[in-house]
PDB file of all heavy atoms in Angstrom:
ATOM      1  N   THR A   1       0.866  -1.232  -0.026  1.00  0.00           N
ATOM      2  CA  THR A   1       0.007   0.003  -0.033  1.00  0.00           C
ATOM      3  C   THR A   1       0.871   1.269  -0.006  1.00  0.00           C
ATOM      4  O   THR A   1       1.812   1.383   0.773  1.00  0.00           O
ATOM      5  CB  THR A   1      -0.973  -0.017   1.146  1.00  0.00           C
ATOM      6  OG1 THR A   1      -1.789  -1.113   1.087  1.00  0.00           O
ATOM      7  CG2 THR A   1      -1.766   1.264   1.232  1.00  0.00           C
ATOM      8  N   ALA A   2       0.581   2.140  -0.871  1.00  0.00           N
ATOM      9  CA  ALA A   2       1.392   3.349  -1.118  1.00  0.00           C
ATOM     10  C   ALA A   2       0.633   4.621  -0.678  1.00  0.00           C
ATOM     11  O   ALA A   2      -0.593   4.692  -0.827  1.00  0.00           O
ATOM     12  CB  ALA A   2       1.817   3.509  -2.555  1.00  0.00           C
ATOM     13  N   SER A   3       1.362   5.621  -0.170  1.00  0.00           N
ATOM     14  CA  SER A   3       0.788   6.824   0.196  1.00  0.00           C
ATOM     15  C   SER A   3       1.870   7.945  -0.055  1.00  0.00           C
ATOM     16  O   SER A   3       3.045   7.694  -0.092  1.00  0.00           O
ATOM     17  CB  SER A   3       0.311   6.827   1.661  1.00  0.00           C
ATOM     18  OG  SER A   3       1.303   6.733   2.477  1.00  0.00           O
ATOM     19  N   GLY A   4       1.467   9.151  -0.138  1.00  0.00           N
ATOM     20  CA  GLY A   4       2.346  10.301  -0.208  1.00  0.00           C
ATOM     21  C   GLY A   4       2.644  10.799  -1.640  1.00  0.00           C
ATOM     22  O   GLY A   4       3.397  11.754  -1.842  1.00  0.00           O
ATOM     23  N   PHE A   5       1.944  10.187  -2.635  1.00  0.00           N
ATOM     24  CA  PHE A   5       2.203  10.583  -3.961  1.00  0.00           C
ATOM     25  C   PHE A   5       1.017  10.003  -4.747  1.00  0.00           C
ATOM     26  O   PHE A   5       0.378   9.064  -4.501  1.00  0.00           O
ATOM     27  CB  PHE A   5       3.559  10.114  -4.503  1.00  0.00           C
ATOM     28  CG  PHE A   5       4.041  10.846  -5.746  1.00  0.00           C
ATOM     29  CD1 PHE A   5       4.614  12.067  -5.669  1.00  0.00           C
ATOM     30  CD2 PHE A   5       3.880  10.234  -6.994  1.00  0.00           C
ATOM     31  CE1 PHE A   5       5.172  12.702  -6.779  1.00  0.00           C
ATOM     32  CE2 PHE A   5       4.337  10.978  -8.211  1.00  0.00           C
ATOM     33  CZ  PHE A   5       4.929  12.198  -7.984  1.00  0.00           C
ATOM     34  N   THR A   6       0.828  10.691  -5.984  1.00  0.00           N
ATOM     35  CA  THR A   6      -0.216  10.311  -6.841  1.00  0.00           C
ATOM     36  C   THR A   6       0.000   8.847  -7.352  1.00  0.00           C
ATOM     37  O   THR A   6       0.981   8.613  -8.018  1.00  0.00           O
ATOM     38  CB  THR A   6      -0.332  11.290  -8.023  1.00  0.00           C
ATOM     39  OG1 THR A   6      -0.568  12.595  -7.600  1.00  0.00           O
ATOM     40  CG2 THR A   6      -1.592  10.824  -8.901  1.00  0.00           C
ATOM     41  N   PHE A   7      -0.851   7.929  -6.974  1.00  0.00           N
ATOM     42  CA  PHE A   7      -0.625   6.507  -7.237  1.00  0.00           C
ATOM     43  C   PHE A   7      -0.466   6.222  -8.604  1.00  0.00           C
ATOM     44  O   PHE A   7       0.434   5.402  -9.055  1.00  0.00           O
ATOM     45  CB  PHE A   7      -1.881   5.716  -6.557  1.00  0.00           C
ATOM     46  CG  PHE A   7      -1.581   4.241  -6.593  1.00  0.00           C
ATOM     47  CD1 PHE A   7      -0.596   3.715  -5.845  1.00  0.00           C
ATOM     48  CD2 PHE A   7      -2.462   3.362  -7.375  1.00  0.00           C
ATOM     49  CE1 PHE A   7      -0.402   2.326  -5.821  1.00  0.00           C
ATOM     50  CE2 PHE A   7      -2.206   2.094  -7.282  1.00  0.00           C
ATOM     51  CZ  PHE A   7      -1.173   1.502  -6.569  1.00  0.00           C
ATOM     52  N   GLU A   8      -1.326   6.882  -9.482  1.00  0.00           N
ATOM     53  CA  GLU A   8      -1.178   6.529 -10.872  1.00  0.00           C
ATOM     54  C   GLU A   8       0.055   7.026 -11.659  1.00  0.00           C
ATOM     55  O   GLU A   8       0.356   6.623 -12.748  1.00  0.00           O
ATOM     56  CB  GLU A   8      -2.457   7.195 -11.577  1.00  0.00           C
ATOM     57  CG  GLU A   8      -3.808   6.587 -11.368  1.00  0.00           C
ATOM     58  CD  GLU A   8      -4.355   7.001  -9.989  1.00  0.00           C
ATOM     59  OE1 GLU A   8      -3.796   7.975  -9.406  1.00  0.00           O
ATOM     60  OE2 GLU A   8      -5.241   6.353  -9.435  1.00  0.00           O
ATOM     61  N   ARG A   9       0.909   7.773 -10.942  1.00  0.00           N
ATOM     62  CA  ARG A   9       2.140   8.306 -11.446  1.00  0.00           C
ATOM     63  C   ARG A   9       3.308   7.418 -11.079  1.00  0.00           C
ATOM     64  O   ARG A   9       4.403   7.686 -11.433  1.00  0.00           O
ATOM     65  CB  ARG A   9       2.361   9.737 -11.004  1.00  0.00           C
ATOM     66  CG  ARG A   9       1.398  10.788 -11.538  1.00  0.00           C
ATOM     67  CD  ARG A   9       1.846  11.114 -12.978  1.00  0.00           C
ATOM     68  NE  ARG A   9       3.116  11.736 -13.052  1.00  0.00           N
ATOM     69  CZ  ARG A   9       3.851  11.887 -14.084  1.00  0.00           C
ATOM     70  NH1 ARG A   9       3.474  11.445 -15.330  1.00  0.00           N
ATOM     71  NH2 ARG A   9       5.045  12.548 -14.073  1.00  0.00           N
ATOM     72  N   LEU A  10       3.045   6.319 -10.315  1.00  0.00           N
ATOM     73  CA  LEU A  10       4.021   5.512  -9.794  1.00  0.00           C
ATOM     74  C   LEU A  10       4.255   4.255 -10.622  1.00  0.00           C
ATOM     75  O   LEU A  10       3.328   3.809 -11.323  1.00  0.00           O
ATOM     76  CB  LEU A  10       3.791   5.074  -8.358  1.00  0.00           C
ATOM     77  CG  LEU A  10       3.714   6.187  -7.289  1.00  0.00           C
ATOM     78  CD1 LEU A  10       3.336   5.659  -5.922  1.00  0.00           C
ATOM     79  CD2 LEU A  10       5.065   6.874  -7.117  1.00  0.00           C
ATOM     80  N   SER A  11       5.471   3.651 -10.537  1.00  0.00           N
ATOM     81  CA  SER A  11       5.634   2.288 -10.824  1.00  0.00           C
ATOM     82  C   SER A  11       6.009   1.634  -9.520  1.00  0.00           C
ATOM     83  O   SER A  11       6.787   2.129  -8.672  1.00  0.00           O
ATOM     84  CB  SER A  11       6.714   2.149 -11.835  1.00  0.00           C
ATOM     85  OG  SER A  11       6.312   2.605 -13.086  1.00  0.00           O
ATOM     86  N   ILE A  12       5.582   0.335  -9.330  1.00  0.00           N
ATOM     87  CA  ILE A  12       5.849  -0.403  -8.101  1.00  0.00           C
ATOM     88  C   ILE A  12       6.470  -1.596  -8.414  1.00  0.00           C
ATOM     89  O   ILE A  12       5.965  -2.454  -9.386  1.00  0.00           O
ATOM     90  CB  ILE A  12       4.456  -0.678  -7.344  1.00  0.00           C
ATOM     91  CG1 ILE A  12       3.776   0.580  -6.978  1.00  0.00           C
ATOM     92  CG2 ILE A  12       4.876  -1.514  -6.041  1.00  0.00           C
ATOM     93  CD1 ILE A  12       4.498   1.425  -5.976  1.00  0.00           C
ATOM     94  N   GLY A  13       7.619  -2.002  -7.756  1.00  0.00           N
ATOM     95  CA  GLY A  13       8.359  -3.170  -8.014  1.00  0.00           C
ATOM     96  C   GLY A  13       8.421  -4.035  -6.759  1.00  0.00           C
ATOM     97  O   GLY A  13       8.381  -3.414  -5.626  1.00  0.00           O
ATOM     98  N   TRP A  14       8.576  -5.311  -6.980  1.00  0.00           N
ATOM     99  CA  TRP A  14       8.717  -6.196  -5.904  1.00  0.00           C
ATOM    100  C   TRP A  14      10.199  -6.793  -6.104  1.00  0.00           C
ATOM    101  O   TRP A  14      10.509  -7.300  -7.169  1.00  0.00           O
ATOM    102  CB  TRP A  14       7.730  -7.382  -5.847  1.00  0.00           C
ATOM    103  CG  TRP A  14       6.478  -7.050  -5.420  1.00  0.00           C
ATOM    104  CD1 TRP A  14       5.302  -6.718  -6.167  1.00  0.00           C
ATOM    105  CD2 TRP A  14       5.983  -7.007  -3.991  1.00  0.00           C
ATOM    106  NE1 TRP A  14       4.203  -6.505  -5.301  1.00  0.00           N
ATOM    107  CE2 TRP A  14       4.599  -6.614  -4.007  1.00  0.00           C
ATOM    108  CE3 TRP A  14       6.672  -7.198  -2.845  1.00  0.00           C
ATOM    109  CZ2 TRP A  14       3.908  -6.434  -2.816  1.00  0.00           C
ATOM    110  CZ3 TRP A  14       5.972  -7.088  -1.690  1.00  0.00           C
ATOM    111  CH2 TRP A  14       4.551  -6.643  -1.596  1.00  0.00           C
ATOM    112  N   PHE A  15      10.915  -6.769  -4.872  1.00  0.00           N
ATOM    113  CA  PHE A  15      12.259  -7.378  -4.893  1.00  0.00           C
ATOM    114  C   PHE A  15      12.335  -8.342  -3.700  1.00  0.00           C
ATOM    115  O   PHE A  15      11.523  -8.304  -2.840  1.00  0.00           O
ATOM    116  CB  PHE A  15      13.293  -6.230  -4.661  1.00  0.00           C
ATOM    117  CG  PHE A  15      13.303  -5.277  -5.833  1.00  0.00           C
ATOM    118  CD1 PHE A  15      12.319  -4.210  -5.878  1.00  0.00           C
ATOM    119  CD2 PHE A  15      14.159  -5.370  -6.869  1.00  0.00           C
ATOM    120  CE1 PHE A  15      12.322  -3.236  -6.910  1.00  0.00           C
ATOM    121  CE2 PHE A  15      14.145  -4.448  -7.955  1.00  0.00           C
ATOM    122  CZ  PHE A  15      13.245  -3.423  -7.898  1.00  0.00           C
ATOM    123  N   ARG A  16      13.265  -9.226  -3.758  1.00  0.00           N
ATOM    124  CA  ARG A  16      13.419 -10.143  -2.620  1.00  0.00           C
ATOM    125  C   ARG A  16      14.910 -10.403  -2.380  1.00  0.00           C
ATOM    126  O   ARG A  16      15.747 -10.407  -3.221  1.00  0.00           O
ATOM    127  CB  ARG A  16      12.677 -11.443  -2.989  1.00  0.00           C
ATOM    128  CG  ARG A  16      13.277 -12.329  -4.117  1.00  0.00           C
ATOM    129  CD  ARG A  16      12.482 -13.521  -4.479  1.00  0.00           C
ATOM    130  NE  ARG A  16      13.042 -14.269  -5.437  1.00  0.00           N
ATOM    131  CZ  ARG A  16      12.431 -15.431  -6.012  1.00  0.00           C
ATOM    132  NH1 ARG A  16      11.187 -15.823  -5.520  1.00  0.00           N
ATOM    133  NH2 ARG A  16      12.928 -16.185  -6.906  1.00  0.00           N
ATOM    134  N   GLN A  17      15.128 -10.796  -1.123  1.00  0.00           N
ATOM    135  CA  GLN A  17      16.526 -11.173  -0.757  1.00  0.00           C
ATOM    136  C   GLN A  17      16.432 -12.427   0.189  1.00  0.00           C
ATOM    137  O   GLN A  17      15.827 -12.343   1.316  1.00  0.00           O
ATOM    138  CB  GLN A  17      17.243 -10.000   0.065  1.00  0.00           C
ATOM    139  CG  GLN A  17      18.688 -10.265   0.357  1.00  0.00           C
ATOM    140  CD  GLN A  17      19.433  -9.025   0.798  1.00  0.00           C
ATOM    141  OE1 GLN A  17      18.789  -8.056   1.284  1.00  0.00           O
ATOM    142  NE2 GLN A  17      20.699  -9.038   0.552  1.00  0.00           N
ATOM    143  N   ALA A  18      17.068 -13.480  -0.343  1.00  0.00           N
ATOM    144  CA  ALA A  18      17.175 -14.696   0.425  1.00  0.00           C
ATOM    145  C   ALA A  18      18.409 -14.658   1.258  1.00  0.00           C
ATOM    146  O   ALA A  18      19.386 -13.941   0.960  1.00  0.00           O
ATOM    147  CB  ALA A  18      17.112 -15.946  -0.538  1.00  0.00           C
ATOM    148  N   PRO A  19      18.393 -15.563   2.316  1.00  0.00           N
ATOM    149  CA  PRO A  19      19.652 -15.541   3.201  1.00  0.00           C
ATOM    150  C   PRO A  19      20.884 -15.923   2.440  1.00  0.00           C
ATOM    151  O   PRO A  19      20.918 -16.843   1.601  1.00  0.00           O
ATOM    152  CB  PRO A  19      19.340 -16.661   4.194  1.00  0.00           C
ATOM    153  CG  PRO A  19      17.830 -16.650   4.242  1.00  0.00           C
ATOM    154  CD  PRO A  19      17.319 -16.387   2.867  1.00  0.00           C
ATOM    155  N   GLY A  20      21.942 -15.082   2.535  1.00  0.00           N
ATOM    156  CA  GLY A  20      23.138 -15.359   1.831  1.00  0.00           C
ATOM    157  C   GLY A  20      23.207 -14.927   0.438  1.00  0.00           C
ATOM    158  O   GLY A  20      24.294 -15.228  -0.152  1.00  0.00           O
ATOM    159  N   LYS A  21      22.142 -14.399  -0.096  1.00  0.00           N
ATOM    160  CA  LYS A  21      22.145 -13.949  -1.523  1.00  0.00           C
ATOM    161  C   LYS A  21      21.914 -12.487  -1.682  1.00  0.00           C
ATOM    162  O   LYS A  21      21.520 -11.747  -0.797  1.00  0.00           O
ATOM    163  CB  LYS A  21      20.985 -14.708  -2.200  1.00  0.00           C
ATOM    164  CG  LYS A  21      21.144 -16.261  -2.337  1.00  0.00           C
ATOM    165  CD  LYS A  21      20.091 -16.859  -3.134  1.00  0.00           C
ATOM    166  CE  LYS A  21      20.285 -18.324  -3.331  1.00  0.00           C
ATOM    167  NZ  LYS A  21      19.114 -18.938  -4.088  1.00  0.00           N
ATOM    168  N   GLU A  22      22.219 -12.057  -2.882  1.00  0.00           N
ATOM    169  CA  GLU A  22      22.034 -10.610  -3.224  1.00  0.00           C
ATOM    170  C   GLU A  22      20.580 -10.369  -3.488  1.00  0.00           C
ATOM    171  O   GLU A  22      19.758 -11.308  -3.854  1.00  0.00           O
ATOM    172  CB  GLU A  22      22.807 -10.172  -4.471  1.00  0.00           C
ATOM    173  CG  GLU A  22      24.326 -10.397  -4.311  1.00  0.00           C
ATOM    174  CD  GLU A  22      24.877  -9.353  -3.317  1.00  0.00           C
ATOM    175  OE1 GLU A  22      24.372  -8.237  -3.287  1.00  0.00           O
ATOM    176  OE2 GLU A  22      25.990  -9.656  -2.715  1.00  0.00           O
ATOM    177  N   ARG A  23      20.111  -9.099  -3.291  1.00  0.00           N
ATOM    178  CA  ARG A  23      18.648  -8.765  -3.583  1.00  0.00           C
ATOM    179  C   ARG A  23      18.450  -8.886  -5.183  1.00  0.00           C
ATOM    180  O   ARG A  23      19.356  -8.490  -5.841  1.00  0.00           O
ATOM    181  CB  ARG A  23      18.354  -7.446  -3.045  1.00  0.00           C
ATOM    182  CG  ARG A  23      16.926  -7.023  -3.091  1.00  0.00           C
ATOM    183  CD  ARG A  23      16.588  -5.935  -2.174  1.00  0.00           C
ATOM    184  NE  ARG A  23      17.357  -4.738  -2.372  1.00  0.00           N
ATOM    185  CZ  ARG A  23      17.772  -3.972  -1.314  1.00  0.00           C
ATOM    186  NH1 ARG A  23      17.349  -4.198  -0.052  1.00  0.00           N
ATOM    187  NH2 ARG A  23      18.565  -2.972  -1.584  1.00  0.00           N
ATOM    188  N   GLU A  24      17.371  -9.370  -5.497  1.00  0.00           N
ATOM    189  CA  GLU A  24      17.032  -9.617  -6.855  1.00  0.00           C
ATOM    190  C   GLU A  24      15.664  -9.162  -7.087  1.00  0.00           C
ATOM    191  O   GLU A  24      14.686  -9.056  -6.338  1.00  0.00           O
ATOM    192  CB  GLU A  24      17.063 -11.037  -7.245  1.00  0.00           C
ATOM    193  CG  GLU A  24      16.068 -12.000  -6.605  1.00  0.00           C
ATOM    194  CD  GLU A  24      16.287 -13.395  -6.986  1.00  0.00           C
ATOM    195  OE1 GLU A  24      17.248 -13.750  -7.733  1.00  0.00           O
ATOM    196  OE2 GLU A  24      15.415 -14.323  -6.602  1.00  0.00           O
TER     197      GLU A  24
END
C-alpha cells in the first residue's frame, strides 16, 4: 500500500533477498 504521491504516477516493484544472496 502506497501513500504520499499520486498513485497513478508511480511504478511499483517487488524485490526479494534470500539468506546469503544478493537482492533480486
